[in-house]
Each structure stands twice: as structure tokens, then as C-alpha cells.
Amino acid sequence: MTEVFSQDAQREAAFRFLENDEVKEGEIRRCVREAGAGRCSPAPFAFVAVDQTSLTITDRTRSKGLGMVGTRAFCAQGLQVMSAVAITPDGTPQGLVGQSYWTRQRTGKRKKETRKKRKVEDKETHYWLDVIEQARTALGKTAPTTRPWFQLDRAGDSWPILQLAANSNFWLTVRASWNRRLQRTDDQLQTYLWDTMEKCQPLGRYSQDVPDGDGRTARSATVEVRAHRVTLDLLTQPSERRIQADLWAVFARECRTTPAGEDPLEWMLLTNHPASTFANARLVVFGYTQRWRIEEFHRVWKTGACRVEETQLRDRDRVVRWAVILAAVAMRIVRMTYRSRHHPDCPATDEFSRPEVEAIVRLARPKGHQPRTMPTMGDVVLWLANLGGYTGKSSGGPPGAIVLARGLRRIEPLVDVLIAEGKM
């Protein structure tokens, strides 16, 4: 807080806002998700990446109303968070369209049999369902012609999610975590998901650029795609009643390009989006690859530009209000970073207000810029990054979140002056 607001009056106002019990964080979250959903219009559909993370908050006296984060043996204090990020079909992350916060309480070790007897609403599974409903409602209100297509990782592979996918008119893709059994007739042997997909004929192959990473070599991978309509035989809990879910399974696996000693790329995806053709199956895989945009958001929000976990606010509700505001800021930085790299020639006003553009131009004083002409997105982001300390060295890569956040803080006083003077 003290780093974001340097002036006494601003800082006092910010603390009063966050400490005011009449300010409901639920209303702040509603505004954030409706704004994010509105940016998706008029796209025919939007990928919606849903994922869970945790915020570790310092609470040495255990007085902030937080819960357990981490393992039972080495636990810290903090909050659990489920978020949903909307991404338009061209890959642009547009904003948060859902978010829920909750705390885990330290309890005795639960036995597997005890967990099975708990209802869905008593498990953390219901937070997946809650955030999906938040996103669906926000898109329905502010982008009614945009169809949501939810993207979930392995943690979302549960029978309530799969049942929802089978019975919904929106699209949903989840990466399979279990080799689930399939429905069979009386005269058939029991069949399972992976074995069935291994026997399917490939629909085709495509090339996928793979960046280097921990235990992974950069390469152009050849990926083979299979797709098949399956009926999952699901066991509900705690009723232990069997239900069926008709879905498409899309199996994408690297072939012939895996370096020695590494595992091949492999995704087993369950979806209610039709995947009978190679083009449709590839679209399912592409949609799932957009899920990593939410990982970018988590990085900027938690450890990058916003550093939400460093807050020293002394109450859970205040922490959540501040976290929601910083989440909106983090999403804006993620969005402008993506646009500057992938759509550098679009007008800067697609992302920045005119006072912001004018403030950046006045402070950066870029060579060659013609007055009264609107610069491009790529130029303005570069100038903003330069104001934040970007060196432009080739080894450092394009401007990132931290220098952009510094630049935004630097232009803020001038933006306020331009607005107050009514010159923009």
C-alpha cells in the first residue's frame, strides 16, 4: 500500500476504502468480471481458463482470519483462490470473469472413506462450479453473443464437472487425470479411456513449437491427434450412483520428435465441443493450450508487478479487497504485454486512455514521434517500459510486467494533472 500510494492523502484514502465494512468485495469482483467479459464482445466464443492457486500472507499472530496454505507438516497462513480468465480466439487475455476466495482450516487428517461421504457443496469442487457460473453469468450479461468455452486442468477432472459438461449448452474442456471406465453393454468386456483412445485411428498431425524449460528441450514437436465419442461411466459421491456422461475425447501426443530422456507431450482432453474432424480436434487442443494465460496472470499478480502476497493489511476482508483490485491491475498488465508483442501495430487507444498516451509521450519524449498522431500499441508500451527502467538489451527479451508497472506508476501524477486541467 505504501509503495503504491506515495502521497499521504492518497494513502489515507486508500486505507479508509479498504477498511470500510460498507465496501463489499463481492461488488468489486462483480465490476471486475463484467468489465472483463465485456471486452470479449463481439467474439463468437471466448476461452475461459479456470485454475486454483493460493496466497501466502504473513500472519505471525494468527489474528487476520486466514487459513492453512501448503502441506499439513509445513503449512503457512493465507487464502485459497479460484480464478477465471477470459481469452478471445486470437489468444488475447481480456480480463477476469470469475474469482472466489476461501480459507482452509487445520483439521485432523481425513481418511479417504470420510472424504467420499462428503457432499459436493462441502468439497472444494464446488468452487470450480461457482467460478464457472460467475463467468457464464458475466458473459451472458455484457457479451451475450459470446459463448464461453471453459478450460480446466487435471484438478478439474471430477464427476460433477464432467456431468456439467455433458448437460450444458456452453463448451467445456478438462484434461483427464483418471483412466476412467467407459459404458459397456452386457456382452462387452470393460473398456477404459486410454486403451480406447490408443486404438483409434489418428485424424492427422501438426507441428507445435515447444519452448525450453525445466527438463524440456526447445523444439518443433510433431503432435498426432485422435478423437472419439465416448460415454463415461461415472460413480457419484456420496450416493454411489452410476451416471453416464456423453463427451468427446481428444488425445494429442508427440511422436518421433521427443528428445532422448524426456517424456513426450501428451494431453488427454474430455470436452463437449464436437471433435469429429481434424480441424475441430485441433481447435480443442489449441483452446487447452490457452489455459497457460492464467499462469501468466498468477505470476504477475503474486510475484511479479503486483506482489499481492506482500500486503500487511490486518484483516481477511481487507486483504481480499486489496487482492481483487490488484488482480484487475495484473490482468491489465498481462493484456497490454500480450497486445504489444502480438498486435504491435494496433492503435494505442485500444488499451490506453488518451491522457495516458499523452503522459507517456510527454515524459518519454520519443524521437521521431509526430505530434497529434496516435502512436501504435508497440511503440507506447516500449516507451512506457523505458520509463520503468527497461534497458532494451537483446538478452533481456521484450518489456515485461515489472517495468510496465513501474512506468504506469510514474505517469499517474501527470495523467491526473491532464484530466484535472481538462486538456484531454
Protein backbone atom coordinates (compact mmCIF):
# COMPACT_ATOMS: atom_id res chain seq x y z
CA MET A 1 0.00 0.00 0.00
CA THR A 2 2.71 2.47 0.96
CA GLU A 3 4.58 1.67 -2.26
CA VAL A 4 1.56 2.18 -4.49
CA PHE A 5 0.39 5.40 -2.82
CA SER A 6 3.26 7.78 -2.10
CA GLN A 7 1.18 10.82 -1.06
CA ASP A 8 -0.29 10.98 2.45
CA ALA A 9 -3.78 11.95 1.29
CA GLN A 10 -3.94 9.17 -1.30
CA ARG A 11 -2.63 6.61 1.16
CA GLU A 12 -5.13 7.64 3.85
CA ALA A 13 -8.00 7.46 1.36
CA ALA A 14 -6.90 4.01 0.21
CA PHE A 15 -6.74 2.67 3.76
CA ARG A 16 -10.16 4.11 4.59
CA PHE A 17 -11.60 2.50 1.46
CA LEU A 18 -10.15 -0.94 2.23
CA GLU A 19 -11.08 -0.77 5.94
CA ASN A 20 -14.67 0.31 5.31
CA ASP A 21 -17.01 -2.59 6.05
CA GLU A 22 -19.64 -0.97 3.83
CA VAL A 23 -17.39 -1.67 0.84
CA LYS A 24 -18.32 -5.18 -0.26
CA GLU A 25 -15.56 -7.09 -2.05
CA GLY A 26 -18.27 -9.06 -3.84
CA GLU A 27 -19.38 -5.87 -5.61
CA ILE A 28 -15.79 -5.07 -6.59
CA ARG A 29 -15.42 -8.57 -8.02
CA ARG A 30 -18.70 -8.20 -9.93
CA CYS A 31 -17.49 -4.99 -11.58
CA VAL A 32 -14.16 -6.60 -12.46
CA ARG A 33 -15.69 -9.68 -14.06
CA GLU A 34 -18.33 -7.75 -16.01
CA ALA A 35 -15.64 -5.44 -17.39
CA GLY A 36 -13.53 -8.46 -18.40
CA ALA A 37 -16.49 -10.18 -20.00
CA GLY A 38 -17.46 -7.03 -21.92
CA ARG A 39 -14.07 -6.96 -23.64
CA CYS A 40 -14.87 -10.34 -25.23
CA SER A 41 -17.76 -8.92 -27.26
CA PRO A 42 -18.41 -9.45 -30.18
CA ALA A 43 -16.21 -12.59 -30.42
CA PRO A 44 -18.30 -15.72 -31.20
CA PHE A 45 -16.74 -17.53 -28.26
CA ALA A 46 -14.12 -16.99 -25.56
CA PHE A 47 -11.79 -19.47 -23.95
CA VAL A 48 -12.14 -19.21 -20.16
CA ALA A 49 -9.17 -20.62 -18.25
CA VAL A 50 -10.10 -21.68 -14.72
CA ASP A 51 -7.48 -22.56 -12.11
CA GLN A 52 -6.80 -22.60 -8.39
CA THR A 53 -3.88 -21.02 -6.54
CA SER A 54 -3.08 -19.89 -3.01
CA LEU A 55 -1.89 -16.62 -1.49
CA THR A 56 0.61 -16.88 1.34
CA ILE A 57 0.12 -13.91 3.71
CA THR A 58 2.34 -13.19 6.72
CA ASP A 59 0.28 -13.66 9.90
CA ARG A 60 2.59 -14.47 12.80
CA THR A 61 -0.09 -13.90 15.45
CA ARG A 62 -2.79 -15.85 13.57
CA SER A 63 -5.17 -12.91 14.04
CA LYS A 64 -6.09 -12.00 10.45
CA GLY A 65 -8.74 -14.65 9.91
CA LEU A 66 -6.71 -16.56 7.32
CA GLY A 67 -6.41 -20.30 6.81
CA MET A 68 -3.94 -23.03 6.05
CA VAL A 69 -1.73 -22.85 2.95
CA GLY A 70 0.65 -25.65 1.99
CA THR A 71 1.03 -29.11 3.49
CA ARG A 72 -0.10 -30.05 6.97
CA ALA A 73 3.51 -30.58 8.05
CA PHE A 74 4.82 -27.28 6.65
CA CYS A 75 1.78 -25.03 6.49
CA ALA A 76 1.63 -21.25 6.31
CA GLN A 77 -1.25 -18.79 6.55
CA GLY A 78 -3.17 -17.39 3.63
CA LEU A 79 -6.10 -17.75 1.25
CA GLN A 80 -7.18 -20.19 -1.44
CA VAL A 81 -8.30 -18.58 -4.71
CA MET A 82 -10.12 -19.86 -7.79
CA SER A 83 -9.96 -17.56 -10.81
CA ALA A 84 -11.30 -17.49 -14.37
CA VAL A 85 -9.57 -15.54 -17.17
CA ALA A 86 -11.33 -14.86 -20.48
CA ILE A 87 -9.26 -15.18 -23.67
CA THR A 88 -10.58 -14.28 -27.11
CA PRO A 89 -10.00 -16.72 -30.02
CA ASP A 90 -6.87 -14.86 -31.18
CA GLY A 91 -5.22 -15.62 -27.82
CA THR A 92 -5.62 -12.17 -26.21
CA PRO A 93 -6.27 -12.37 -22.44
CA GLN A 94 -9.13 -9.92 -21.87
CA GLY A 95 -9.80 -9.97 -18.14
CA LEU A 96 -11.01 -11.76 -15.04
CA VAL A 97 -14.55 -13.09 -15.37
CA GLY A 98 -14.75 -15.01 -12.10
CA GLN A 99 -12.98 -15.31 -8.77
CA SER A 100 -13.68 -16.90 -5.37
CA TYR A 101 -11.71 -16.78 -2.11
CA TRP A 102 -11.87 -19.18 0.81
CA THR A 103 -9.83 -20.47 3.75
CA ARG A 104 -8.78 -23.96 4.71
CA GLN A 105 -8.90 -24.75 8.39
CA ARG A 106 -6.37 -27.02 10.07
CA THR A 107 -8.13 -30.29 10.91
CA GLY A 108 -7.13 -33.84 11.61
CA LYS A 109 -6.12 -36.00 8.67
CA ARG A 110 -9.22 -37.10 6.80
CA LYS A 111 -9.49 -40.69 5.71
CA LYS A 112 -10.36 -41.43 2.09
CA GLU A 113 -13.63 -43.05 3.13
CA THR A 114 -14.62 -39.91 5.04
CA ARG A 115 -13.93 -37.66 2.08
CA LYS A 116 -16.09 -39.83 -0.15
CA LYS A 117 -19.09 -39.30 2.13
CA ARG A 118 -18.97 -35.51 1.84
CA LYS A 119 -21.42 -33.75 -0.47
CA VAL A 120 -20.22 -31.66 -3.42
CA GLU A 121 -21.11 -28.43 -1.63
CA ASP A 122 -18.84 -29.48 1.26
CA LYS A 123 -15.85 -30.06 -1.01
CA GLU A 124 -13.60 -27.59 -2.80
CA THR A 125 -15.04 -28.93 -6.07
CA HIS A 126 -17.93 -26.51 -5.64
CA TYR A 127 -15.56 -23.56 -6.09
CA TRP A 128 -14.90 -24.75 -9.66
CA LEU A 129 -18.64 -24.82 -10.24
CA ASP A 130 -19.13 -21.42 -8.58
CA VAL A 131 -16.49 -19.65 -10.69
CA ILE A 132 -17.80 -21.27 -13.88
CA GLU A 133 -21.26 -19.91 -13.04
CA GLN A 134 -19.81 -16.44 -12.28
CA ALA A 135 -18.10 -16.37 -15.68
CA ARG A 136 -21.16 -17.66 -17.52
CA THR A 137 -23.36 -15.01 -15.87
CA ALA A 138 -20.91 -12.17 -16.58
CA LEU A 139 -20.56 -13.11 -20.24
CA GLY A 140 -24.32 -13.55 -20.58
CA LYS A 141 -24.86 -10.02 -19.24
CA THR A 142 -22.16 -7.99 -21.02
CA ALA A 143 -21.29 -10.20 -24.02
CA PRO A 144 -24.49 -12.16 -24.70
CA THR A 145 -23.40 -13.37 -28.16
CA THR A 146 -20.07 -14.72 -26.87
CA ARG A 147 -20.16 -18.39 -25.94
CA PRO A 148 -17.88 -19.41 -23.04
CA TRP A 149 -15.52 -22.34 -23.54
CA PHE A 150 -14.06 -23.32 -20.17
CA GLN A 151 -10.56 -24.80 -19.96
CA LEU A 152 -9.69 -26.83 -16.84
CA ASP A 153 -6.56 -28.74 -15.91
CA ARG A 154 -6.38 -32.17 -14.25
CA ALA A 155 -7.61 -30.84 -10.90
CA GLY A 156 -10.99 -30.25 -12.56
CA ASP A 157 -11.41 -33.90 -13.58
CA SER A 158 -14.27 -34.82 -11.25
CA TRP A 159 -17.69 -36.28 -11.83
CA PRO A 160 -19.64 -33.03 -11.09
CA ILE A 161 -17.57 -31.17 -13.72
CA LEU A 162 -17.96 -33.93 -16.31
CA GLN A 163 -21.69 -34.17 -15.62
CA LEU A 164 -21.95 -30.40 -16.06
CA ALA A 165 -20.13 -30.61 -19.39
CA ALA A 166 -22.41 -33.35 -20.66
CA ASN A 167 -25.57 -31.41 -19.80
CA SER A 168 -24.63 -27.80 -20.69
CA ASN A 169 -25.04 -25.63 -23.76
CA PHE A 170 -21.71 -23.89 -23.17
CA TRP A 171 -18.45 -25.63 -24.00
CA LEU A 172 -16.04 -27.12 -21.50
CA THR A 173 -12.72 -28.95 -21.84
CA VAL A 174 -10.94 -30.67 -18.95
CA ARG A 175 -7.65 -32.53 -19.04
CA ALA A 176 -8.21 -36.11 -17.92
CA SER A 177 -6.48 -37.16 -14.74
CA TRP A 178 -8.00 -40.63 -14.43
CA ASN A 179 -8.22 -43.58 -16.78
CA ARG A 180 -11.99 -43.63 -16.43
CA ARG A 181 -14.04 -46.60 -17.40
CA LEU A 182 -16.49 -46.37 -20.27
CA GLN A 183 -20.05 -47.58 -20.51
CA ARG A 184 -20.42 -51.09 -21.93
CA THR A 185 -23.21 -53.44 -22.94
CA ASP A 186 -23.80 -56.74 -21.20
CA ASP A 187 -21.80 -58.74 -23.76
CA GLN A 188 -18.76 -56.43 -23.78
CA LEU A 189 -15.63 -56.54 -21.72
CA GLN A 190 -14.97 -53.48 -19.58
CA THR A 191 -13.16 -50.76 -21.55
CA TYR A 192 -11.20 -47.74 -20.32
CA LEU A 193 -10.42 -44.31 -21.69
CA TRP A 194 -6.72 -44.58 -22.50
CA ASP A 195 -6.94 -48.05 -24.07
CA THR A 196 -9.85 -46.97 -26.24
CA MET A 197 -8.08 -43.85 -27.49
CA GLU A 198 -4.86 -45.76 -28.24
CA LYS A 199 -6.82 -47.94 -30.67
CA CYS A 200 -8.37 -45.01 -32.57
CA GLN A 201 -7.02 -44.03 -35.97
CA PRO A 202 -5.20 -40.66 -35.99
CA LEU A 203 -7.05 -37.78 -37.59
CA GLY A 204 -3.82 -36.03 -38.53
CA ARG A 205 -0.62 -34.41 -37.32
CA TYR A 206 0.58 -30.86 -36.78
CA SER A 207 3.73 -29.05 -35.62
CA GLN A 208 3.91 -27.40 -32.21
CA ASP A 209 6.71 -25.06 -31.10
CA VAL A 210 7.91 -26.10 -27.64
CA PRO A 211 9.93 -23.56 -25.58
CA ASP A 212 12.74 -24.76 -23.38
CA GLY A 213 12.02 -25.26 -19.70
CA ASP A 214 12.85 -27.33 -16.66
CA GLY A 215 13.75 -30.76 -18.07
CA ARG A 216 12.42 -29.79 -21.51
CA THR A 217 14.31 -29.06 -24.72
CA ALA A 218 13.12 -26.38 -27.15
CA ARG A 219 11.95 -27.97 -30.38
CA SER A 220 9.32 -28.15 -33.07
CA ALA A 221 7.24 -31.11 -31.94
CA THR A 222 5.13 -33.28 -34.23
CA VAL A 223 1.82 -33.94 -32.50
CA GLU A 224 -0.60 -36.68 -33.54
CA VAL A 225 -4.30 -36.19 -32.80
CA ARG A 226 -7.02 -38.78 -32.18
CA ALA A 227 -10.65 -38.11 -31.32
CA HIS A 228 -13.56 -40.36 -30.40
CA ARG A 229 -17.04 -40.01 -28.90
CA VAL A 230 -17.13 -41.75 -25.51
CA THR A 231 -19.67 -42.41 -22.78
CA LEU A 232 -18.06 -42.18 -19.37
CA ASP A 233 -19.37 -44.44 -16.61
CA LEU A 234 -19.16 -42.15 -13.56
CA LEU A 235 -19.62 -43.05 -9.90
CA THR A 236 -21.19 -40.20 -7.91
CA GLN A 237 -20.36 -39.49 -4.30
CA PRO A 238 -21.68 -39.88 -1.67
CA SER A 239 -24.72 -41.64 -3.21
CA GLU A 240 -22.54 -44.13 -5.14
CA ARG A 241 -24.99 -43.93 -8.00
CA ARG A 242 -23.70 -44.50 -11.53
CA ILE A 243 -24.37 -41.91 -14.20
CA GLN A 244 -23.28 -41.60 -17.81
CA ALA A 245 -21.68 -38.59 -19.48
CA ASP A 246 -21.50 -38.44 -23.29
CA LEU A 247 -18.42 -36.46 -24.31
CA TRP A 248 -15.68 -36.29 -26.89
CA ALA A 249 -12.18 -37.47 -26.00
CA VAL A 250 -9.31 -35.79 -27.84
CA PHE A 251 -5.90 -37.45 -27.46
CA ALA A 252 -2.88 -35.42 -28.58
CA ARG A 253 0.59 -36.97 -28.26
CA GLU A 254 4.02 -36.10 -29.60
CA CYS A 255 5.53 -38.65 -31.96
CA ARG A 256 9.09 -39.05 -33.31
CA THR A 257 10.39 -35.69 -32.11
CA THR A 258 10.86 -36.33 -28.37
CA PRO A 259 14.49 -35.87 -27.24
CA ALA A 260 16.13 -38.82 -25.51
CA GLY A 261 15.41 -38.92 -21.80
CA GLU A 262 12.32 -36.71 -21.97
CA ASP A 263 8.64 -37.58 -21.86
CA PRO A 264 6.60 -36.80 -24.99
CA LEU A 265 3.98 -34.08 -24.97
CA GLU A 266 0.62 -35.66 -24.20
CA TRP A 267 -2.88 -34.35 -23.48
CA MET A 268 -5.99 -36.43 -22.95
CA LEU A 269 -8.84 -33.94 -23.16
CA LEU A 270 -12.52 -34.51 -22.40
CA THR A 271 -14.87 -31.98 -23.99
CA ASN A 272 -18.45 -31.36 -25.06
CA HIS A 273 -17.24 -29.49 -28.16
CA PRO A 274 -17.74 -31.60 -31.33
CA ALA A 275 -14.40 -33.07 -32.43
CA SER A 276 -15.30 -35.35 -35.32
CA THR A 277 -12.89 -33.63 -37.73
CA PHE A 278 -9.18 -32.91 -37.54
CA ALA A 279 -9.86 -29.14 -37.60
CA ASN A 280 -12.28 -29.34 -34.68
CA ALA A 281 -10.00 -31.65 -32.68
CA ARG A 282 -7.10 -29.25 -33.23
CA LEU A 283 -9.26 -26.37 -32.03
CA VAL A 284 -9.93 -28.32 -28.82
CA VAL A 285 -6.18 -28.77 -28.29
CA PHE A 286 -5.49 -25.12 -29.14
CA GLY A 287 -8.10 -24.00 -26.62
CA TYR A 288 -6.45 -26.02 -23.90
CA THR A 289 -3.02 -24.53 -24.70
CA GLN A 290 -4.53 -21.09 -23.97
CA ARG A 291 -5.04 -22.17 -20.36
CA TRP A 292 -1.47 -21.15 -19.52
CA ARG A 293 -2.57 -17.48 -19.80
CA ILE A 294 -3.91 -17.84 -16.28
CA GLU A 295 -0.45 -18.94 -15.14
CA GLU A 296 0.87 -15.64 -16.50
CA PHE A 297 -1.79 -13.82 -14.50
CA HIS A 298 -0.83 -15.67 -11.31
CA ARG A 299 2.84 -14.79 -11.80
CA VAL A 300 2.18 -11.05 -12.36
CA TRP A 301 -0.36 -10.91 -9.52
CA LYS A 302 1.63 -12.84 -6.91
CA THR A 303 5.35 -12.46 -7.52
CA GLY A 304 5.74 -10.04 -10.43
CA ALA A 305 4.47 -6.50 -10.73
CA CYS A 306 1.70 -6.57 -8.09
CA ARG A 307 3.20 -8.75 -5.32
CA VAL A 308 -0.17 -9.23 -3.64
CA GLU A 309 1.30 -11.61 -1.05
CA GLU A 310 3.39 -8.82 0.48
CA THR A 311 0.34 -6.98 1.84
CA GLN A 312 0.41 -6.21 5.56
CA LEU A 313 -3.30 -5.48 5.93
CA ARG A 314 -4.55 -6.94 9.21
CA ASP A 315 -7.94 -8.40 8.36
CA ARG A 316 -9.09 -11.07 5.90
CA ASP A 317 -11.80 -8.93 4.28
CA ARG A 318 -9.35 -6.07 3.73
CA VAL A 319 -6.79 -8.44 2.25
CA VAL A 320 -9.40 -9.75 -0.18
CA ARG A 321 -10.49 -6.24 -1.26
CA TRP A 322 -6.88 -5.30 -1.97
CA ALA A 323 -6.24 -8.62 -3.75
CA VAL A 324 -9.24 -8.12 -6.06
CA ILE A 325 -8.07 -4.63 -7.05
CA LEU A 326 -4.53 -5.86 -7.69
CA ALA A 327 -5.93 -8.78 -9.70
CA ALA A 328 -7.58 -6.30 -12.08
CA VAL A 329 -4.28 -4.40 -12.38
CA ALA A 330 -2.36 -7.63 -13.03
CA MET A 331 -4.77 -8.61 -15.80
CA ARG A 332 -4.37 -5.23 -17.48
CA ILE A 333 -0.58 -5.61 -17.47
CA VAL A 334 -0.86 -9.16 -18.86
CA ARG A 335 -3.18 -7.89 -21.59
CA MET A 336 -1.01 -4.93 -22.66
CA THR A 337 2.08 -7.17 -22.65
CA TYR A 338 0.38 -9.66 -24.97
CA ARG A 339 -1.01 -6.98 -27.29
CA SER A 340 2.33 -5.21 -27.64
CA ARG A 341 4.00 -8.48 -28.67
CA HIS A 342 1.32 -9.93 -30.92
CA HIS A 343 -0.59 -6.86 -32.19
CA PRO A 344 2.02 -4.07 -32.08
CA ASP A 345 0.51 -2.09 -34.97
CA CYS A 346 -2.95 -1.53 -33.49
CA PRO A 347 -3.72 1.96 -32.10
CA ALA A 348 -2.51 2.62 -28.55
CA THR A 349 -6.01 3.77 -27.58
CA ASP A 350 -7.17 0.16 -27.84
CA GLU A 351 -5.61 -0.26 -24.38
CA PHE A 352 -4.61 3.18 -23.08
CA SER A 353 -6.71 6.28 -22.43
CA ARG A 354 -5.77 9.43 -24.31
CA PRO A 355 -4.44 11.11 -21.13
CA GLU A 356 -2.23 8.08 -20.55
CA VAL A 357 -0.88 8.21 -24.11
CA GLU A 358 -0.20 11.94 -23.80
CA ALA A 359 1.55 11.49 -20.44
CA ILE A 360 3.76 8.72 -21.84
CA VAL A 361 4.71 10.84 -24.86
CA ARG A 362 5.49 13.91 -22.75
CA LEU A 363 7.67 12.00 -20.28
CA ALA A 364 9.39 9.66 -22.72
CA ARG A 365 9.96 12.30 -25.44
CA PRO A 366 10.39 9.66 -28.16
CA LYS A 367 12.47 10.61 -31.18
CA GLY A 368 10.61 10.77 -34.47
CA HIS A 369 7.12 10.89 -32.98
CA GLN A 370 4.87 13.30 -34.84
CA PRO A 371 2.67 15.48 -32.59
CA ARG A 372 -1.09 14.99 -32.89
CA THR A 373 -0.67 11.49 -34.34
CA MET A 374 -1.78 8.40 -32.50
CA PRO A 375 1.18 6.04 -31.87
CA THR A 376 0.90 2.28 -32.10
CA MET A 377 0.48 -0.14 -29.24
CA GLY A 378 4.01 -1.48 -29.68
CA ASP A 379 5.55 2.00 -29.52
CA VAL A 380 3.62 3.17 -26.47
CA VAL A 381 4.34 0.00 -24.49
CA LEU A 382 8.04 0.32 -25.32
CA TRP A 383 8.09 3.99 -24.22
CA LEU A 384 6.21 3.09 -21.04
CA ALA A 385 8.68 0.30 -20.31
CA ASN A 386 11.58 2.72 -20.85
CA LEU A 387 10.06 5.00 -18.21
CA GLY A 388 10.00 1.96 -15.90
CA GLY A 389 13.68 1.19 -16.39
CA TYR A 390 13.65 -1.15 -19.38
CA THR A 391 17.16 -1.39 -20.82
CA GLY A 392 16.21 -2.82 -24.21
CA LYS A 393 19.06 -5.30 -24.20
CA SER A 394 18.56 -8.19 -26.60
CA SER A 395 19.39 -10.70 -23.87
CA GLY A 396 16.61 -9.35 -21.67
CA GLY A 397 13.75 -10.04 -24.07
CA PRO A 398 10.75 -7.76 -24.72
CA PRO A 399 9.34 -5.49 -21.96
CA GLY A 400 7.84 -7.40 -19.08
CA ALA A 401 5.33 -6.81 -16.30
CA ILE A 402 7.64 -5.25 -13.71
CA VAL A 403 8.96 -2.40 -15.89
CA LEU A 404 5.45 -1.73 -17.22
CA ALA A 405 4.10 -1.45 -13.67
CA ARG A 406 6.88 0.99 -12.78
CA GLY A 407 6.06 3.03 -15.89
CA LEU A 408 2.35 3.15 -15.02
CA ARG A 409 3.16 4.43 -11.53
CA ARG A 410 5.44 7.10 -13.00
CA ILE A 411 2.87 8.51 -15.43
CA GLU A 412 -0.01 8.53 -12.94
CA PRO A 413 0.61 12.06 -11.49
CA LEU A 414 0.78 13.60 -14.96
CA VAL A 415 -2.36 11.75 -16.05
CA ASP A 416 -4.19 13.23 -13.04
CA VAL A 417 -2.98 16.72 -13.98
CA LEU A 418 -4.08 16.35 -17.62
CA ILE A 419 -7.54 15.18 -16.58
CA ALA A 420 -7.87 17.94 -13.96
CA GLU A 421 -6.90 20.61 -16.48
CA GLY A 422 -9.48 19.27 -18.91
CA LYS A 423 -6.95 19.14 -21.72
CA MET A 424 -7.80 15.57 -22.72
